[in-house]
Amino acid sequence: MAHIDLMYFAKNLWKDELPNCKLQTIEREFFGIEREDDVPGQYIPGYYDTYLSKNNIGPIVPIIEHNRQDIVSLASFLEKMYKDVN
C-alpha cells in the first residue's frame, strides 16, 4: 500500500514558520488545537499490551482517541498544505 508521510512535507513547508515541526506544535500554531488528556505516544505500546493481557477494553480507549485526533489533524494539514502550495 502507498504511504505518504505528511510530517515530512510539513517540515519542508513550515520549518521557517514554527519553532519545531512536531505534530502538537503544528496543531497548536496553525489550528489552535491543544490536546487534553492525550496519551503520549511512548505509552501506547504499554496500554495496548495491558489491553491484550487483561482482555480489558479500558486501556485501548485513549489509544483510539489519540489516533482519532491524529487523523483529524492530518486531514487539516493536507488541506492547509494544498492551500499554501497553490
Protein backbone atom coordinates (compact mmCIF):
# COMPACT_ATOMS: atom_id res chain seq x y z
CA MET A 1 0.00 0.00 0.00
CA ALA A 2 1.13 3.51 -0.74
CA HIS A 3 2.19 5.60 2.23
CA ILE A 4 2.66 9.35 2.37
CA ASP A 5 4.21 10.87 5.47
CA LEU A 6 2.68 14.34 5.74
CA MET A 7 5.11 15.27 8.52
CA TYR A 8 7.98 15.14 6.01
CA PHE A 9 6.17 17.68 3.82
CA ALA A 10 5.14 19.75 6.85
CA LYS A 11 8.77 20.11 7.92
CA ASN A 12 9.81 21.25 4.46
CA LEU A 13 6.90 23.64 4.09
CA TRP A 14 6.69 25.21 7.55
CA LYS A 15 10.19 24.84 9.09
CA ASP A 16 10.78 28.60 8.95
CA GLU A 17 7.37 29.49 10.43
CA LEU A 18 7.41 27.28 13.54
CA PRO A 19 9.74 26.68 16.48
CA ASN A 20 9.66 22.95 15.54
CA CYS A 21 7.54 20.73 13.34
CA LYS A 22 6.20 18.34 15.95
CA LEU A 23 2.61 17.27 15.41
CA GLN A 24 1.37 19.05 18.53
CA THR A 25 3.23 22.26 17.63
CA ILE A 26 1.61 22.37 14.19
CA GLU A 27 -1.79 21.63 15.72
CA ARG A 28 -1.41 24.46 18.23
CA GLU A 29 0.18 27.10 15.99
CA PHE A 30 -1.94 26.68 12.86
CA PHE A 31 -5.21 25.23 14.11
CA GLY A 32 -5.49 26.28 17.76
CA ILE A 33 -5.70 22.65 18.88
CA GLU A 34 -4.48 21.82 22.38
CA ARG A 35 -4.78 18.14 23.13
CA GLU A 36 -6.12 17.49 26.61
CA ASP A 37 -5.63 14.19 28.39
CA ASP A 38 -3.85 12.78 25.35
CA VAL A 39 -1.88 9.62 25.94
CA PRO A 40 1.75 10.24 24.97
CA GLY A 41 2.80 8.06 22.04
CA GLN A 42 5.53 6.41 24.11
CA TYR A 43 2.88 4.86 26.38
CA ILE A 44 0.68 3.43 23.64
CA PRO A 45 2.53 0.08 23.34
CA GLY A 46 2.17 -0.46 27.10
CA TYR A 47 -1.53 0.41 27.03
CA TYR A 48 -2.03 -1.99 24.15
CA ASP A 49 -0.10 -4.77 25.91
CA THR A 50 -2.27 -4.27 29.00
CA TYR A 51 -5.39 -4.47 26.85
CA LEU A 52 -4.18 -7.76 25.36
CA SER A 53 -3.01 -9.33 28.60
CA LYS A 54 -6.03 -8.32 30.71
CA ASN A 55 -8.67 -8.62 27.97
CA ASN A 56 -9.95 -5.23 29.14
CA ILE A 57 -11.06 -2.57 26.63
CA GLY A 58 -10.29 0.31 29.04
CA PRO A 59 -6.63 0.86 28.11
CA ILE A 60 -7.42 0.91 24.39
CA VAL A 61 -9.90 3.81 24.61
CA PRO A 62 -7.17 6.50 24.96
CA ILE A 63 -5.32 4.94 22.00
CA ILE A 64 -8.43 5.18 19.83
CA GLU A 65 -8.93 8.83 20.84
CA HIS A 66 -5.25 9.62 20.18
CA ASN A 67 -5.49 8.07 16.71
CA ARG A 68 -8.78 9.89 16.01
CA GLN A 69 -7.13 13.20 16.83
CA ASP A 70 -4.17 12.33 14.58
CA ILE A 71 -6.48 11.60 11.64
CA VAL A 72 -8.43 14.84 12.09
CA SER A 73 -5.21 16.85 12.36
CA LEU A 74 -3.59 15.24 9.34
CA ALA A 75 -6.67 15.94 7.22
CA SER A 76 -6.40 19.60 8.26
CA PHE A 77 -2.66 19.58 7.47
CA LEU A 78 -3.32 18.25 3.99
CA GLU A 79 -5.87 20.96 3.29
CA LYS A 80 -3.55 23.72 4.58
CA MET A 81 -0.59 22.31 2.65
CA TYR A 82 -2.61 22.35 -0.53
CA LYS A 83 -3.68 25.96 0.02
CA ASP A 84 -0.14 27.07 0.98
CA VAL A 85 1.41 25.47 -2.09
CA ASN A 86 -1.27 26.56 -4.53
